[in-house]
Amino acid sequence: EAPIAPAVKKGNIELRDWVNTELTKLGEEKYLLKLYDQYVRPELAESTDPNAVIVEGGNWKP
């Protein structure tokens, strides 16, 4: 499976930094885990580890 991630045009540091900040905030709030629990968990096997499916608060490298 390929990961799903937002894209920023190379050199657009202002946007990249903003996205990284927002991803960090969402990770701290466990936002993606909440979405996972609400929409994805019911569709997967009970033994599926959410940490194998989502990554909270990742950062893009320049």
PDB file of N, CA and C in Angstrom:
ATOM      1  N   GLU A   1       0.833  -1.181   0.000  1.00  0.00           N
ATOM      2  CA  GLU A   1       0.000   0.000   0.000  1.00  0.00           C
ATOM      3  C   GLU A   1       0.877   1.244   0.000  1.00  0.00           C
ATOM      4  N   ALA A   2       0.493   2.217  -0.765  1.00  0.00           N
ATOM      5  CA  ALA A   2       1.224   3.481  -0.819  1.00  0.00           C
ATOM      6  C   ALA A   2       0.643   4.452   0.206  1.00  0.00           C
ATOM      7  N   PRO A   3       1.518   5.197   0.886  1.00  0.00           N
ATOM      8  CA  PRO A   3       1.002   6.195   1.826  1.00  0.00           C
ATOM      9  C   PRO A   3       0.322   7.337   1.092  1.00  0.00           C
ATOM     10  N   ILE A   4      -0.591   7.989   1.772  1.00  0.00           N
ATOM     11  CA  ILE A   4      -1.259   9.165   1.233  1.00  0.00           C
ATOM     12  C   ILE A   4      -0.687  10.369   1.964  1.00  0.00           C
ATOM     13  N   ALA A   5      -0.238  11.367   1.205  1.00  0.00           N
ATOM     14  CA  ALA A   5       0.376  12.534   1.837  1.00  0.00           C
ATOM     15  C   ALA A   5       0.129  13.770   0.984  1.00  0.00           C
ATOM     16  N   PRO A   6       0.048  14.929   1.623  1.00  0.00           N
ATOM     17  CA  PRO A   6      -0.079  16.172   0.862  1.00  0.00           C
ATOM     18  C   PRO A   6       1.227  16.472   0.141  1.00  0.00           C
ATOM     19  N   ALA A   7       1.150  17.261  -0.901  1.00  0.00           N
ATOM     20  CA  ALA A   7       2.342  17.632  -1.668  1.00  0.00           C
ATOM     21  C   ALA A   7       2.480  19.145  -1.706  1.00  0.00           C
ATOM     22  N   VAL A   8       3.731  19.600  -1.686  1.00  0.00           N
ATOM     23  CA  VAL A   8       4.047  21.024  -1.769  1.00  0.00           C
ATOM     24  C   VAL A   8       5.121  21.187  -2.833  1.00  0.00           C
ATOM     25  N   LYS A   9       4.939  22.170  -3.695  1.00  0.00           N
ATOM     26  CA  LYS A   9       5.908  22.423  -4.751  1.00  0.00           C
ATOM     27  C   LYS A   9       7.278  22.711  -4.143  1.00  0.00           C
ATOM     28  N   LYS A  10       8.308  22.102  -4.715  1.00  0.00           N
ATOM     29  CA  LYS A  10       9.671  22.292  -4.239  1.00  0.00           C
ATOM     30  C   LYS A  10       9.995  23.781  -4.176  1.00  0.00           C
ATOM     31  N   GLY A  11      10.570  24.192  -3.072  1.00  0.00           N
ATOM     32  CA  GLY A  11      10.955  25.583  -2.899  1.00  0.00           C
ATOM     33  C   GLY A  11       9.918  26.424  -2.169  1.00  0.00           C
ATOM     34  N   ASN A  12       8.710  25.892  -1.996  1.00  0.00           N
ATOM     35  CA  ASN A  12       7.664  26.643  -1.300  1.00  0.00           C
ATOM     36  C   ASN A  12       7.798  26.366   0.200  1.00  0.00           C
ATOM     37  N   ILE A  13       8.824  26.959   0.779  1.00  0.00           N
ATOM     38  CA  ILE A  13       9.169  26.698   2.171  1.00  0.00           C
ATOM     39  C   ILE A  13       8.087  27.197   3.125  1.00  0.00           C
ATOM     40  N   GLU A  14       7.493  28.341   2.807  1.00  0.00           N
ATOM     41  CA  GLU A  14       6.446  28.887   3.679  1.00  0.00           C
ATOM     42  C   GLU A  14       5.279  27.906   3.802  1.00  0.00           C
ATOM     43  N   LEU A  15       4.823  27.359   2.684  1.00  0.00           N
ATOM     44  CA  LEU A  15       3.717  26.399   2.715  1.00  0.00           C
ATOM     45  C   LEU A  15       4.149  25.105   3.392  1.00  0.00           C
ATOM     46  N   ARG A  16       5.346  24.623   3.079  1.00  0.00           N
ATOM     47  CA  ARG A  16       5.847  23.387   3.695  1.00  0.00           C
ATOM     48  C   ARG A  16       5.892  23.522   5.215  1.00  0.00           C
ATOM     49  N   ASP A  17       6.407  24.661   5.694  1.00  0.00           N
ATOM     50  CA  ASP A  17       6.494  24.871   7.139  1.00  0.00           C
ATOM     51  C   ASP A  17       5.111  24.946   7.775  1.00  0.00           C
ATOM     52  N   TRP A  18       4.168  25.586   7.085  1.00  0.00           N
ATOM     53  CA  TRP A  18       2.799  25.663   7.598  1.00  0.00           C
ATOM     54  C   TRP A  18       2.186  24.267   7.700  1.00  0.00           C
ATOM     55  N   VAL A  19       2.360  23.470   6.647  1.00  0.00           N
ATOM     56  CA  VAL A  19       1.815  22.105   6.654  1.00  0.00           C
ATOM     57  C   VAL A  19       2.440  21.300   7.789  1.00  0.00           C
ATOM     58  N   ASN A  20       3.760  21.414   7.968  1.00  0.00           N
ATOM     59  CA  ASN A  20       4.421  20.687   9.051  1.00  0.00           C
ATOM     60  C   ASN A  20       3.867  21.093  10.415  1.00  0.00           C
ATOM     61  N   THR A  21       3.635  22.391  10.600  1.00  0.00           N
ATOM     62  CA  THR A  21       3.077  22.881  11.863  1.00  0.00           C
ATOM     63  C   THR A  21       1.689  22.300  12.097  1.00  0.00           C
ATOM     64  N   GLU A  22       0.861  22.313  11.059  1.00  0.00           N
ATOM     65  CA  GLU A  22      -0.495  21.768  11.188  1.00  0.00           C
ATOM     66  C   GLU A  22      -0.472  20.261  11.440  1.00  0.00           C
ATOM     67  N   LEU A  23       0.424  19.536  10.772  1.00  0.00           N
ATOM     68  CA  LEU A  23       0.536  18.093  11.010  1.00  0.00           C
ATOM     69  C   LEU A  23       0.938  17.807  12.451  1.00  0.00           C
ATOM     70  N   THR A  24       1.840  18.624  12.981  1.00  0.00           N
ATOM     71  CA  THR A  24       2.254  18.464  14.374  1.00  0.00           C
ATOM     72  C   THR A  24       1.079  18.692  15.316  1.00  0.00           C
ATOM     73  N   LYS A  25       0.318  19.762  15.072  1.00  0.00           N
ATOM     74  CA  LYS A  25      -0.860  20.046  15.908  1.00  0.00           C
ATOM     75  C   LYS A  25      -1.867  18.897  15.844  1.00  0.00           C
ATOM     76  N   LEU A  26      -2.134  18.415  14.635  1.00  0.00           N
ATOM     77  CA  LEU A  26      -3.087  17.313  14.477  1.00  0.00           C
ATOM     78  C   LEU A  26      -2.596  16.063  15.201  1.00  0.00           C
ATOM     79  N   GLY A  27      -1.284  15.836  15.160  1.00  0.00           N
ATOM     80  CA  GLY A  27      -0.713  14.690  15.864  1.00  0.00           C
ATOM     81  C   GLY A  27      -0.888  14.803  17.365  1.00  0.00           C
ATOM     82  N   GLU A  28      -0.672  16.002  17.895  1.00  0.00           N
ATOM     83  CA  GLU A  28      -0.839  16.224  19.331  1.00  0.00           C
ATOM     84  C   GLU A  28      -2.286  16.013  19.760  1.00  0.00           C
ATOM     85  N   GLU A  29      -3.218  16.348  18.883  1.00  0.00           N
ATOM     86  CA  GLU A  29      -4.648  16.181  19.177  1.00  0.00           C
ATOM     87  C   GLU A  29      -5.139  14.760  18.893  1.00  0.00           C
ATOM     88  N   LYS A  30      -4.267  13.926  18.328  1.00  0.00           N
ATOM     89  CA  LYS A  30      -4.640  12.565  17.905  1.00  0.00           C
ATOM     90  C   LYS A  30      -5.813  12.599  16.929  1.00  0.00           C
ATOM     91  N   TYR A  31      -5.835  13.614  16.086  1.00  0.00           N
ATOM     92  CA  TYR A  31      -6.935  13.834  15.147  1.00  0.00           C
ATOM     93  C   TYR A  31      -7.104  12.665  14.174  1.00  0.00           C
ATOM     94  N   LEU A  32      -5.997  12.212  13.604  1.00  0.00           N
ATOM     95  CA  LEU A  32      -6.102  11.115  12.632  1.00  0.00           C
ATOM     96  C   LEU A  32      -6.569   9.828  13.302  1.00  0.00           C
ATOM     97  N   LEU A  33      -6.164   9.611  14.549  1.00  0.00           N
ATOM     98  CA  LEU A  33      -6.635   8.430  15.272  1.00  0.00           C
ATOM     99  C   LEU A  33      -8.142   8.510  15.509  1.00  0.00           C
ATOM    100  N   LYS A  34      -8.644   9.704  15.800  1.00  0.00           N
ATOM    101  CA  LYS A  34     -10.092   9.882  15.976  1.00  0.00           C
ATOM    102  C   LYS A  34     -10.837   9.567  14.677  1.00  0.00           C
ATOM    103  N   LEU A  35     -10.303  10.055  13.559  1.00  0.00           N
ATOM    104  CA  LEU A  35     -10.925   9.747  12.265  1.00  0.00           C
ATOM    105  C   LEU A  35     -10.859   8.250  11.970  1.00  0.00           C
ATOM    106  N   TYR A  36      -9.715   7.655  12.278  1.00  0.00           N
ATOM    107  CA  TYR A  36      -9.548   6.215  12.089  1.00  0.00           C
ATOM    108  C   TYR A  36     -10.620   5.454  12.868  1.00  0.00           C
ATOM    109  N   ASP A  37     -10.768   5.804  14.156  1.00  0.00           N
ATOM    110  CA  ASP A  37     -11.756   5.116  14.996  1.00  0.00           C
ATOM    111  C   ASP A  37     -13.169   5.271  14.448  1.00  0.00           C
ATOM    112  N   GLN A  38     -13.469   6.448  13.940  1.00  0.00           N
ATOM    113  CA  GLN A  38     -14.823   6.727  13.467  1.00  0.00           C
ATOM    114  C   GLN A  38     -15.132   6.078  12.118  1.00  0.00           C
ATOM    115  N   TYR A  39     -14.186   6.133  11.186  1.00  0.00           N
ATOM    116  CA  TYR A  39     -14.492   5.729   9.809  1.00  0.00           C
ATOM    117  C   TYR A  39     -13.787   4.463   9.319  1.00  0.00           C
ATOM    118  N   VAL A  40     -12.587   4.205   9.800  1.00  0.00           N
ATOM    119  CA  VAL A  40     -11.796   3.113   9.231  1.00  0.00           C
ATOM    120  C   VAL A  40     -11.868   1.844  10.073  1.00  0.00           C
ATOM    121  N   ARG A  41     -11.750   1.971  11.383  1.00  0.00           N
ATOM    122  CA  ARG A  41     -11.710   0.796  12.262  1.00  0.00           C
ATOM    123  C   ARG A  41     -12.859  -0.183  11.994  1.00  0.00           C
ATOM    124  N   PRO A  42     -14.094   0.281  11.805  1.00  0.00           N
ATOM    125  CA  PRO A  42     -15.192  -0.668  11.567  1.00  0.00           C
ATOM    126  C   PRO A  42     -15.026  -1.498  10.290  1.00  0.00           C
ATOM    127  N   GLU A  43     -14.196  -1.032   9.370  1.00  0.00           N
ATOM    128  CA  GLU A  43     -14.022  -1.731   8.092  1.00  0.00           C
ATOM    129  C   GLU A  43     -12.869  -2.731   8.111  1.00  0.00           C
ATOM    130  N   LEU A  44     -12.039  -2.705   9.154  1.00  0.00           N
ATOM    131  CA  LEU A  44     -10.854  -3.562   9.214  1.00  0.00           C
ATOM    132  C   LEU A  44     -11.026  -4.655  10.261  1.00  0.00           C
ATOM    133  N   ALA A  45     -10.144  -5.637  10.206  1.00  0.00           N
ATOM    134  CA  ALA A  45     -10.160  -6.714  11.194  1.00  0.00           C
ATOM    135  C   ALA A  45      -9.883  -6.146  12.583  1.00  0.00           C
ATOM    136  N   GLU A  46     -10.473  -6.758  13.607  1.00  0.00           N
ATOM    137  CA  GLU A  46     -10.296  -6.281  14.983  1.00  0.00           C
ATOM    138  C   GLU A  46      -8.839  -6.223  15.394  1.00  0.00           C
ATOM    139  N   SER A  47      -8.024  -7.116  14.867  1.00  0.00           N
ATOM    140  CA  SER A  47      -6.618  -7.189  15.263  1.00  0.00           C
ATOM    141  C   SER A  47      -5.741  -6.146  14.571  1.00  0.00           C
ATOM    142  N   THR A  48      -6.301  -5.331  13.679  1.00  0.00           N
ATOM    143  CA  THR A  48      -5.509  -4.327  12.965  1.00  0.00           C
ATOM    144  C   THR A  48      -5.004  -3.268  13.936  1.00  0.00           C
ATOM    145  N   ASP A  49      -3.698  -3.028  13.901  1.00  0.00           N
ATOM    146  CA  ASP A  49      -3.072  -2.015  14.751  1.00  0.00           C
ATOM    147  C   ASP A  49      -3.182  -0.658  14.064  1.00  0.00           C
ATOM    148  N   PRO A  50      -3.841   0.327  14.677  1.00  0.00           N
ATOM    149  CA  PRO A  50      -3.979   1.641  14.041  1.00  0.00           C
ATOM    150  C   PRO A  50      -2.630   2.290  13.741  1.00  0.00           C
ATOM    151  N   ASN A  51      -1.600   1.965  14.530  1.00  0.00           N
ATOM    152  CA  ASN A  51      -0.274   2.534  14.284  1.00  0.00           C
ATOM    153  C   ASN A  51       0.362   1.991  13.012  1.00  0.00           C
ATOM    154  N   ALA A  52      -0.154   0.882  12.510  1.00  0.00           N
ATOM    155  CA  ALA A  52       0.330   0.339  11.244  1.00  0.00           C
ATOM    156  C   ALA A  52      -0.365   1.008  10.061  1.00  0.00           C
ATOM    157  N   VAL A  53      -1.430   1.765  10.348  1.00  0.00           N
ATOM    158  CA  VAL A  53      -2.237   2.371   9.291  1.00  0.00           C
ATOM    159  C   VAL A  53      -2.037   3.881   9.208  1.00  0.00           C
ATOM    160  N   ILE A  54      -1.858   4.538  10.345  1.00  0.00           N
ATOM    161  CA  ILE A  54      -1.733   5.997  10.350  1.00  0.00           C
ATOM    162  C   ILE A  54      -0.450   6.431  11.050  1.00  0.00           C
ATOM    163  N   VAL A  55       0.006   7.618  10.714  1.00  0.00           N
ATOM    164  CA  VAL A  55       1.154   8.242  11.366  1.00  0.00           C
ATOM    165  C   VAL A  55       0.705   9.614  11.832  1.00  0.00           C
ATOM    166  N   GLU A  56       0.812   9.869  13.110  1.00  0.00           N
ATOM    167  CA  GLU A  56       0.411  11.158  13.660  1.00  0.00           C
ATOM    168  C   GLU A  56       1.614  12.097  13.720  1.00  0.00           C
ATOM    169  N   GLY A  57       1.413  13.332  13.264  1.00  0.00           N
ATOM    170  CA  GLY A  57       2.402  14.383  13.470  1.00  0.00           C
ATOM    171  C   GLY A  57       3.706  14.238  12.715  1.00  0.00           C
ATOM    172  N   GLY A  58       3.672  13.668  11.504  1.00  0.00           N
ATOM    173  CA  GLY A  58       4.883  13.543  10.708  1.00  0.00           C
ATOM    174  C   GLY A  58       5.347  14.885  10.167  1.00  0.00           C
ATOM    175  N   ASN A  59       6.613  14.972   9.783  1.00  0.00           N
ATOM    176  CA  ASN A  59       7.170  16.196   9.206  1.00  0.00           C
ATOM    177  C   ASN A  59       7.799  15.908   7.855  1.00  0.00           C
ATOM    178  N   TRP A  60       7.674  16.867   6.962  1.00  0.00           N
ATOM    179  CA  TRP A  60       8.341  16.774   5.668  1.00  0.00           C
ATOM    180  C   TRP A  60       9.762  17.260   5.800  1.00  0.00           C
ATOM    181  N   LYS A  61      10.634  16.644   5.053  1.00  0.00           N
ATOM    182  CA  LYS A  61      12.035  17.068   5.004  1.00  0.00           C
ATOM    183  C   LYS A  61      12.203  18.010   3.811  1.00  0.00           C
ATOM    184  N   PRO A  62      13.125  18.966   3.918  1.00  0.00           N
ATOM    185  CA  PRO A  62      13.346  19.885   2.764  1.00  0.00           C
ATOM    186  C   PRO A  62      13.893  19.153   1.550  1.00  0.00           C
TER     187      PRO A  62
END
